[in-house]
PDB file of all heavy atoms in Angstrom:
ATOM      1  N   ALA A   1       4.809 -13.176  44.912  1.00  0.00           N
ATOM      2  CA  ALA A   1       4.894 -12.535  46.218  1.00  0.00           C
ATOM      3  C   ALA A   1       3.634 -11.705  46.393  1.00  0.00           C
ATOM      4  O   ALA A   1       3.271 -10.916  45.529  1.00  0.00           O
ATOM      5  CB  ALA A   1       6.131 -11.652  46.303  1.00  0.00           C
ATOM      6  N   GLN A   2       2.958 -11.900  47.523  1.00  0.00           N
ATOM      7  CA  GLN A   2       1.692 -11.227  47.788  1.00  0.00           C
ATOM      8  C   GLN A   2       1.866 -10.347  49.019  1.00  0.00           C
ATOM      9  O   GLN A   2       2.292 -10.812  50.063  1.00  0.00           O
ATOM     10  CB  GLN A   2       0.622 -12.289  48.023  1.00  0.00           C
ATOM     11  CG  GLN A   2      -0.754 -11.779  48.212  1.00  0.00           C
ATOM     12  CD  GLN A   2      -1.754 -12.917  48.323  1.00  0.00           C
ATOM     13  OE1 GLN A   2      -1.405 -14.030  48.698  1.00  0.00           O
ATOM     14  NE2 GLN A   2      -2.992 -12.634  48.007  1.00  0.00           N
ATOM     15  N   TYR A   3       1.517  -9.069  48.881  1.00  0.00           N
ATOM     16  CA  TYR A   3       1.663  -8.100  49.962  1.00  0.00           C
ATOM     17  C   TYR A   3       0.274  -7.653  50.395  1.00  0.00           C
ATOM     18  O   TYR A   3      -0.401  -6.905  49.690  1.00  0.00           O
ATOM     19  CB  TYR A   3       2.505  -6.913  49.506  1.00  0.00           C
ATOM     20  CG  TYR A   3       3.864  -7.328  49.003  1.00  0.00           C
ATOM     21  CD1 TYR A   3       4.098  -7.499  47.645  1.00  0.00           C
ATOM     22  CD2 TYR A   3       4.891  -7.586  49.891  1.00  0.00           C
ATOM     23  CE1 TYR A   3       5.334  -7.906  47.182  1.00  0.00           C
ATOM     24  CE2 TYR A   3       6.144  -7.998  49.436  1.00  0.00           C
ATOM     25  CZ  TYR A   3       6.347  -8.152  48.081  1.00  0.00           C
ATOM     26  OH  TYR A   3       7.581  -8.555  47.622  1.00  0.00           O
ATOM     27  N   GLU A   4      -0.165  -8.133  51.568  1.00  0.00           N
ATOM     28  CA  GLU A   4      -1.514  -7.882  52.053  1.00  0.00           C
ATOM     29  C   GLU A   4      -1.793  -6.393  52.275  1.00  0.00           C
ATOM     30  O   GLU A   4      -2.823  -5.889  51.871  1.00  0.00           O
ATOM     31  CB  GLU A   4      -1.749  -8.645  53.368  1.00  0.00           C
ATOM     32  CG  GLU A   4      -1.620 -10.136  53.239  1.00  0.00           C
ATOM     33  CD  GLU A   4      -2.773 -10.774  52.495  1.00  0.00           C
ATOM     34  OE1 GLU A   4      -3.880 -10.213  52.509  1.00  0.00           O
ATOM     35  OE2 GLU A   4      -2.552 -11.829  51.877  1.00  0.00           O
ATOM     36  N   ASP A   5      -0.857  -5.698  52.918  1.00  0.00           N
ATOM     37  CA  ASP A   5      -1.109  -4.295  53.278  1.00  0.00           C
ATOM     38  C   ASP A   5      -1.196  -3.381  52.056  1.00  0.00           C
ATOM     39  O   ASP A   5      -1.918  -2.391  52.063  1.00  0.00           O
ATOM     40  CB  ASP A   5      -0.041  -3.788  54.250  1.00  0.00           C
ATOM     41  CG  ASP A   5       1.368  -3.951  53.723  1.00  0.00           C
ATOM     42  OD1 ASP A   5       1.601  -4.823  52.872  1.00  0.00           O
ATOM     43  OD2 ASP A   5       2.249  -3.191  54.179  1.00  0.00           O
ATOM     44  N   ARG A   6      -0.487  -3.710  50.993  1.00  0.00           N
ATOM     45  CA  ARG A   6      -0.509  -2.882  49.784  1.00  0.00           C
ATOM     46  C   ARG A   6      -1.481  -3.404  48.740  1.00  0.00           C
ATOM     47  O   ARG A   6      -1.814  -2.699  47.793  1.00  0.00           O
ATOM     48  CB  ARG A   6       0.873  -2.830  49.144  1.00  0.00           C
ATOM     49  CG  ARG A   6       1.931  -2.240  50.023  1.00  0.00           C
ATOM     50  CD  ARG A   6       3.227  -2.087  49.305  1.00  0.00           C
ATOM     51  NE  ARG A   6       3.670  -3.323  48.661  1.00  0.00           N
ATOM     52  CZ  ARG A   6       4.924  -3.597  48.373  1.00  0.00           C
ATOM     53  NH1 ARG A   6       5.870  -2.726  48.669  1.00  0.00           N
ATOM     54  NH2 ARG A   6       5.258  -4.708  47.795  1.00  0.00           N
ATOM     55  N   GLY A   7      -1.920  -4.653  48.888  1.00  0.00           N
ATOM     56  CA  GLY A   7      -2.786  -5.265  47.894  1.00  0.00           C
ATOM     57  C   GLY A   7      -2.063  -5.548  46.590  1.00  0.00           C
ATOM     58  O   GLY A   7      -2.661  -5.589  45.527  1.00  0.00           O
ATOM     59  N   ASP A   8      -0.767  -5.750  46.680  1.00  0.00           N
ATOM     60  CA  ASP A   8       0.085  -5.920  45.507  1.00  0.00           C
ATOM     61  C   ASP A   8       0.471  -7.389  45.363  1.00  0.00           C
ATOM     62  O   ASP A   8       0.730  -8.071  46.347  1.00  0.00           O
ATOM     63  CB  ASP A   8       1.331  -5.055  45.685  1.00  0.00           C
ATOM     64  CG  ASP A   8       2.199  -5.008  44.463  1.00  0.00           C
ATOM     65  OD1 ASP A   8       1.709  -5.302  43.367  1.00  0.00           O
ATOM     66  OD2 ASP A   8       3.391  -4.673  44.603  1.00  0.00           O
ATOM     67  N   VAL A   9       0.510  -7.872  44.129  1.00  0.00           N
ATOM     68  CA  VAL A   9       0.974  -9.228  43.836  1.00  0.00           C
ATOM     69  C   VAL A   9       1.993  -9.133  42.710  1.00  0.00           C
ATOM     70  O   VAL A   9       1.730  -8.514  41.682  1.00  0.00           O
ATOM     71  CB  VAL A   9      -0.194 -10.146  43.415  1.00  0.00           C
ATOM     72  CG1 VAL A   9       0.320 -11.522  43.025  1.00  0.00           C
ATOM     73  CG2 VAL A   9      -1.215 -10.264  44.525  1.00  0.00           C
ATOM     74  N   THR A  10       3.170  -9.744  42.915  1.00  0.00           N
ATOM     75  CA  THR A  10       4.226  -9.742  41.911  1.00  0.00           C
ATOM     76  C   THR A  10       4.587 -11.179  41.583  1.00  0.00           C
ATOM     77  O   THR A  10       5.117 -11.894  42.427  1.00  0.00           O
ATOM     78  CB  THR A  10       5.472  -8.997  42.438  1.00  0.00           C
ATOM     79  OG1 THR A  10       5.096  -7.693  42.824  1.00  0.00           O
ATOM     80  CG2 THR A  10       6.548  -8.935  41.381  1.00  0.00           C
ATOM     81  N   CYS A  11       4.297 -11.597  40.366  1.00  0.00           N
ATOM     82  CA  CYS A  11       4.600 -12.968  39.932  1.00  0.00           C
ATOM     83  C   CYS A  11       5.836 -12.928  39.047  1.00  0.00           C
ATOM     84  O   CYS A  11       5.733 -12.774  37.833  1.00  0.00           O
ATOM     85  CB  CYS A  11       3.413 -13.561  39.178  1.00  0.00           C
ATOM     86  SG  CYS A  11       1.940 -13.699  40.195  1.00  0.00           S
ATOM     87  N   ALA A  12       7.009 -13.057  39.663  1.00  0.00           N
ATOM     88  CA  ALA A  12       8.259 -12.934  38.914  1.00  0.00           C
ATOM     89  C   ALA A  12       9.349 -13.849  39.458  1.00  0.00           C
ATOM     90  O   ALA A  12      10.525 -13.527  39.375  1.00  0.00           O
ATOM     91  CB  ALA A  12       8.728 -11.485  38.946  1.00  0.00           C
ATOM     92  N   TYR A  13       8.958 -14.995  40.026  1.00  0.00           N
ATOM     93  CA  TYR A  13       9.944 -15.840  40.685  1.00  0.00           C
ATOM     94  C   TYR A  13       9.868 -17.276  40.192  1.00  0.00           C
ATOM     95  O   TYR A  13       8.791 -17.869  40.144  1.00  0.00           O
ATOM     96  CB  TYR A  13       9.740 -15.800  42.206  1.00  0.00           C
ATOM     97  CG  TYR A  13       9.692 -14.384  42.716  1.00  0.00           C
ATOM     98  CD1 TYR A  13       8.482 -13.773  43.012  1.00  0.00           C
ATOM     99  CD2 TYR A  13      10.857 -13.640  42.833  1.00  0.00           C
ATOM    100  CE1 TYR A  13       8.437 -12.466  43.445  1.00  0.00           C
ATOM    101  CE2 TYR A  13      10.822 -12.329  43.263  1.00  0.00           C
ATOM    102  CZ  TYR A  13       9.601 -11.750  43.566  1.00  0.00           C
ATOM    103  OH  TYR A  13       9.556 -10.448  43.982  1.00  0.00           O
ATOM    104  N   ASP A  14      11.027 -17.843  39.842  1.00  0.00           N
ATOM    105  CA  ASP A  14      11.100 -19.222  39.389  1.00  0.00           C
ATOM    106  C   ASP A  14      11.087 -20.209  40.543  1.00  0.00           C
ATOM    107  O   ASP A  14      10.582 -21.320  40.416  1.00  0.00           O
ATOM    108  CB  ASP A  14      12.381 -19.459  38.574  1.00  0.00           C
ATOM    109  CG  ASP A  14      12.307 -18.819  37.203  1.00  0.00           C
ATOM    110  OD1 ASP A  14      11.242 -18.885  36.569  1.00  0.00           O
ATOM    111  OD2 ASP A  14      13.317 -18.245  36.768  1.00  0.00           O
ATOM    112  N   THR A  15      11.672 -19.820  41.678  1.00  0.00           N
ATOM    113  CA  THR A  15      11.737 -20.721  42.827  1.00  0.00           C
ATOM    114  C   THR A  15      11.047 -20.090  44.026  1.00  0.00           C
ATOM    115  O   THR A  15      10.925 -18.877  44.141  1.00  0.00           O
ATOM    116  CB  THR A  15      13.186 -21.044  43.213  1.00  0.00           C
ATOM    117  OG1 THR A  15      13.814 -19.854  43.707  1.00  0.00           O
ATOM    118  CG2 THR A  15      13.967 -21.604  42.030  1.00  0.00           C
ATOM    119  N   PHE A  16      10.601 -20.960  44.919  1.00  0.00           N
ATOM    120  CA  PHE A  16       9.941 -20.490  46.144  1.00  0.00           C
ATOM    121  C   PHE A  16      10.927 -19.695  47.000  1.00  0.00           C
ATOM    122  O   PHE A  16      10.558 -18.700  47.618  1.00  0.00           O
ATOM    123  CB  PHE A  16       9.390 -21.690  46.916  1.00  0.00           C
ATOM    124  CG  PHE A  16       8.456 -21.307  48.016  1.00  0.00           C
ATOM    125  CD1 PHE A  16       7.190 -20.816  47.728  1.00  0.00           C
ATOM    126  CD2 PHE A  16       8.831 -21.442  49.337  1.00  0.00           C
ATOM    127  CE1 PHE A  16       6.322 -20.460  48.736  1.00  0.00           C
ATOM    128  CE2 PHE A  16       7.968 -21.092  50.358  1.00  0.00           C
ATOM    129  CZ  PHE A  16       6.707 -20.602  50.060  1.00  0.00           C
ATOM    130  N   GLN A  17      12.190 -20.117  47.014  1.00  0.00           N
ATOM    131  CA  GLN A  17      13.196 -19.411  47.811  1.00  0.00           C
ATOM    132  C   GLN A  17      13.426 -17.995  47.291  1.00  0.00           C
ATOM    133  O   GLN A  17      13.572 -17.070  48.082  1.00  0.00           O
ATOM    134  CB  GLN A  17      14.519 -20.190  47.822  1.00  0.00           C
ATOM    135  CG  GLN A  17      15.531 -19.639  48.805  1.00  0.00           C
ATOM    136  CD  GLN A  17      15.025 -19.685  50.242  1.00  0.00           C
ATOM    137  OE1 GLN A  17      14.517 -20.695  50.701  1.00  0.00           O
ATOM    138  NE2 GLN A  17      15.154 -18.576  50.952  1.00  0.00           N
ATOM    139  N   GLN A  18      13.452 -17.795  45.986  1.00  0.00           N
ATOM    140  CA  GLN A  18      13.575 -16.436  45.431  1.00  0.00           C
ATOM    141  C   GLN A  18      12.429 -15.566  45.919  1.00  0.00           C
ATOM    142  O   GLN A  18      12.623 -14.407  46.291  1.00  0.00           O
ATOM    143  CB  GLN A  18      13.539 -16.467  43.907  1.00  0.00           C
ATOM    144  CG  GLN A  18      14.758 -16.976  43.226  1.00  0.00           C
ATOM    145  CD  GLN A  18      14.551 -17.061  41.713  1.00  0.00           C
ATOM    146  OE1 GLN A  18      13.433 -17.098  41.230  1.00  0.00           O
ATOM    147  NE2 GLN A  18      15.656 -17.113  40.979  1.00  0.00           N
ATOM    148  N   CYS A  19      11.247 -16.111  45.912  1.00  0.00           N
ATOM    149  CA  CYS A  19      10.076 -15.379  46.350  1.00  0.00           C
ATOM    150  C   CYS A  19      10.185 -15.016  47.833  1.00  0.00           C
ATOM    151  O   CYS A  19       9.944 -13.874  48.225  1.00  0.00           O
ATOM    152  CB  CYS A  19       8.819 -16.205  46.092  1.00  0.00           C
ATOM    153  SG  CYS A  19       7.300 -15.361  46.527  1.00  0.00           S
ATOM    154  N   LEU A  20      10.572 -15.987  48.659  1.00  0.00           N
ATOM    155  CA  LEU A  20      10.710 -15.734  50.092  1.00  0.00           C
ATOM    156  C   LEU A  20      11.768 -14.670  50.384  1.00  0.00           C
ATOM    157  O   LEU A  20      11.571 -13.812  51.245  1.00  0.00           O
ATOM    158  CB  LEU A  20      11.075 -17.016  50.835  1.00  0.00           C
ATOM    159  CG  LEU A  20       9.956 -18.019  51.054  1.00  0.00           C
ATOM    160  CD1 LEU A  20      10.510 -19.270  51.727  1.00  0.00           C
ATOM    161  CD2 LEU A  20       8.834 -17.425  51.867  1.00  0.00           C
ATOM    162  N   ASP A  21      12.887 -14.743  49.677  1.00  0.00           N
ATOM    163  CA  ASP A  21      13.958 -13.765  49.891  1.00  0.00           C
ATOM    164  C   ASP A  21      13.480 -12.344  49.611  1.00  0.00           C
ATOM    165  O   ASP A  21      13.924 -11.392  50.248  1.00  0.00           O
ATOM    166  CB  ASP A  21      15.164 -14.078  49.010  1.00  0.00           C
ATOM    167  CG  ASP A  21      15.871 -15.361  49.433  1.00  0.00           C
ATOM    168  OD1 ASP A  21      15.641 -15.823  50.572  1.00  0.00           O
ATOM    169  OD2 ASP A  21      16.646 -15.900  48.614  1.00  0.00           O
ATOM    170  N   THR A  22      12.588 -12.185  48.664  1.00  0.00           N
ATOM    171  CA  THR A  22      12.080 -10.864  48.312  1.00  0.00           C
ATOM    172  C   THR A  22      10.941 -10.433  49.232  1.00  0.00           C
ATOM    173  O   THR A  22      10.875  -9.281  49.648  1.00  0.00           O
ATOM    174  CB  THR A  22      11.577 -10.861  46.856  1.00  0.00           C
ATOM    175  OG1 THR A  22      12.647 -11.277  46.014  1.00  0.00           O
ATOM    176  CG2 THR A  22      11.115  -9.493  46.434  1.00  0.00           C
ATOM    177  N   ALA A  23      10.040 -11.338  49.545  1.00  0.00           N
ATOM    178  CA  ALA A  23       8.818 -10.976  50.270  1.00  0.00           C
ATOM    179  C   ALA A  23       9.016 -10.826  51.774  1.00  0.00           C
ATOM    180  O   ALA A  23       8.270 -10.100  52.423  1.00  0.00           O
ATOM    181  CB  ALA A  23       7.741 -12.020  50.001  1.00  0.00           C
ATOM    182  N   ARG A  24       9.993 -11.511  52.331  1.00  0.00           N
ATOM    183  CA  ARG A  24      10.209 -11.452  53.791  1.00  0.00           C
ATOM    184  C   ARG A  24      10.677 -10.092  54.242  1.00  0.00           C
ATOM    185  O   ARG A  24      11.038  -9.241  53.451  1.00  0.00           O
ATOM    186  CB  ARG A  24      11.275 -12.471  54.181  1.00  0.00           C
ATOM    187  CG  ARG A  24      10.752 -13.834  54.362  1.00  0.00           C
ATOM    188  CD  ARG A  24      11.784 -14.647  55.073  1.00  0.00           C
ATOM    189  NE  ARG A  24      11.927 -15.945  54.422  1.00  0.00           N
ATOM    190  CZ  ARG A  24      12.923 -16.749  54.628  1.00  0.00           C
ATOM    191  NH1 ARG A  24      13.895 -16.431  55.423  1.00  0.00           N
ATOM    192  NH2 ARG A  24      12.963 -17.906  54.025  1.00  0.00           N
ATOM    193  N   GLY A  25      10.719  -9.936  55.554  1.00  0.00           N
ATOM    194  CA  GLY A  25      11.277  -8.725  56.140  1.00  0.00           C
ATOM    195  C   GLY A  25      10.267  -7.598  56.220  1.00  0.00           C
ATOM    196  O   GLY A  25       9.078  -7.823  56.421  1.00  0.00           O
ATOM    197  N   PRO A  26      10.752  -6.362  56.088  1.00  0.00           N
ATOM    198  CA  PRO A  26       9.870  -5.212  56.263  1.00  0.00           C
ATOM    199  C   PRO A  26       8.748  -5.139  55.224  1.00  0.00           C
ATOM    200  O   PRO A  26       7.743  -4.487  55.436  1.00  0.00           O
ATOM    201  CB  PRO A  26      10.793  -3.999  56.118  1.00  0.00           C
ATOM    202  CG  PRO A  26      12.126  -4.508  55.752  1.00  0.00           C
ATOM    203  CD  PRO A  26      12.115  -5.988  55.813  1.00  0.00           C
ATOM    204  N   ALA A  27       8.921  -5.825  54.103  1.00  0.00           N
ATOM    205  CA  ALA A  27       7.886  -5.792  53.074  1.00  0.00           C
ATOM    206  C   ALA A  27       6.614  -6.477  53.573  1.00  0.00           C
ATOM    207  O   ALA A  27       5.515  -6.136  53.148  1.00  0.00           O
ATOM    208  CB  ALA A  27       8.386  -6.457  51.800  1.00  0.00           C
ATOM    209  N   GLY A  28       6.766  -7.464  54.455  1.00  0.00           N
ATOM    210  CA  GLY A  28       5.610  -8.127  55.052  1.00  0.00           C
ATOM    211  C   GLY A  28       4.791  -8.943  54.074  1.00  0.00           C
ATOM    212  O   GLY A  28       3.577  -9.008  54.191  1.00  0.00           O
ATOM    213  N   GLY A  29       5.444  -9.588  53.136  1.00  0.00           N
ATOM    214  CA  GLY A  29       4.712 -10.356  52.134  1.00  0.00           C
ATOM    215  C   GLY A  29       4.773 -11.845  52.379  1.00  0.00           C
ATOM    216  O   GLY A  29       5.481 -12.334  53.261  1.00  0.00           O
ATOM    217  N   SER A  30       4.006 -12.553  51.606  1.00  0.00           N
ATOM    218  CA  SER A  30       4.023 -14.008  51.645  1.00  0.00           C
ATOM    219  C   SER A  30       4.078 -14.514  50.209  1.00  0.00           C
ATOM    220  O   SER A  30       3.849 -13.767  49.268  1.00  0.00           O
ATOM    221  CB  SER A  30       2.775 -14.542  52.351  1.00  0.00           C
ATOM    222  OG  SER A  30       1.612 -14.119  51.676  1.00  0.00           O
ATOM    223  N   CYS A  31       4.375 -15.787  50.043  1.00  0.00           N
ATOM    224  CA  CYS A  31       4.520 -16.356  48.709  1.00  0.00           C
ATOM    225  C   CYS A  31       3.424 -17.373  48.438  1.00  0.00           C
ATOM    226  O   CYS A  31       3.045 -18.140  49.320  1.00  0.00           O
ATOM    227  CB  CYS A  31       5.887 -17.019  48.567  1.00  0.00           C
ATOM    228  SG  CYS A  31       7.225 -15.826  48.626  1.00  0.00           S
ATOM    229  N   ILE A  32       2.939 -17.345  47.218  1.00  0.00           N
ATOM    230  CA  ILE A  32       1.923 -18.291  46.779  1.00  0.00           C
ATOM    231  C   ILE A  32       2.324 -18.823  45.408  1.00  0.00           C
ATOM    232  O   ILE A  32       3.129 -18.214  44.716  1.00  0.00           O
ATOM    233  CB  ILE A  32       0.526 -17.637  46.691  1.00  0.00           C
ATOM    234  CG1 ILE A  32       0.537 -16.458  45.717  1.00  0.00           C
ATOM    235  CG2 ILE A  32       0.018 -17.224  48.042  1.00  0.00           C
ATOM    236  CD1 ILE A  32      -0.836 -15.895  45.395  1.00  0.00           C
ATOM    237  N   GLU A  33       1.756 -19.964  45.044  1.00  0.00           N
ATOM    238  CA  GLU A  33       2.007 -20.489  43.705  1.00  0.00           C
ATOM    239  C   GLU A  33       1.114 -19.741  42.725  1.00  0.00           C
ATOM    240  O   GLU A  33      -0.058 -19.485  43.001  1.00  0.00           O
ATOM    241  CB  GLU A  33       1.739 -21.983  43.652  1.00  0.00           C
ATOM    242  CG  GLU A  33       2.242 -22.608  42.383  1.00  0.00           C
ATOM    243  CD  GLU A  33       2.370 -24.118  42.467  1.00  0.00           C
ATOM    244  OE1 GLU A  33       2.019 -24.706  43.493  1.00  0.00           O
ATOM    245  OE2 GLU A  33       2.830 -24.699  41.477  1.00  0.00           O
ATOM    246  N   ASN A  34       1.661 -19.386  41.583  1.00  0.00           N
ATOM    247  CA  ASN A  34       0.938 -18.646  40.558  1.00  0.00           C
ATOM    248  C   ASN A  34      -0.172 -19.534  39.985  1.00  0.00           C
ATOM    249  O   ASN A  34       0.104 -20.597  39.449  1.00  0.00           O
ATOM    250  CB  ASN A  34       1.904 -18.223  39.447  1.00  0.00           C
ATOM    251  CG  ASN A  34       1.279 -17.340  38.409  1.00  0.00           C
ATOM    252  OD1 ASN A  34       0.065 -17.180  38.343  1.00  0.00           O
ATOM    253  ND2 ASN A  34       2.113 -16.748  37.576  1.00  0.00           N
ATOM    254  N   PRO A  35      -1.437 -19.105  40.080  1.00  0.00           N
ATOM    255  CA  PRO A  35      -2.518 -19.940  39.562  1.00  0.00           C
ATOM    256  C   PRO A  35      -2.512 -20.059  38.037  1.00  0.00           C
ATOM    257  O   PRO A  35      -3.152 -20.940  37.484  1.00  0.00           O
ATOM    258  CB  PRO A  35      -3.781 -19.228  40.048  1.00  0.00           C
ATOM    259  CG  PRO A  35      -3.367 -17.844  40.338  1.00  0.00           C
ATOM    260  CD  PRO A  35      -1.915 -17.897  40.717  1.00  0.00           C
ATOM    261  N   PHE A  36      -1.772 -19.189  37.340  1.00  0.00           N
ATOM    262  CA  PHE A  36      -1.714 -19.225  35.886  1.00  0.00           C
ATOM    263  C   PHE A  36      -0.498 -19.980  35.359  1.00  0.00           C
ATOM    264  O   PHE A  36      -0.308 -20.091  34.157  1.00  0.00           O
ATOM    265  CB  PHE A  36      -1.712 -17.803  35.320  1.00  0.00           C
ATOM    266  CG  PHE A  36      -2.954 -17.043  35.693  1.00  0.00           C
ATOM    267  CD1 PHE A  36      -2.899 -16.041  36.645  1.00  0.00           C
ATOM    268  CD2 PHE A  36      -4.163 -17.350  35.121  1.00  0.00           C
ATOM    269  CE1 PHE A  36      -4.040 -15.347  37.003  1.00  0.00           C
ATOM    270  CE2 PHE A  36      -5.316 -16.664  35.467  1.00  0.00           C
ATOM    271  CZ  PHE A  36      -5.250 -15.663  36.413  1.00  0.00           C
TER     272      PHE A  36
END
């Protein structure tokens, strides 16, 4: 989950849906595939 306004990236999700559920809403984040 990548948060543009905070410059924060949290790589802790096994599925894309888990990531979306966390990043959406007031957090204003988006999901990307972990390059590592």
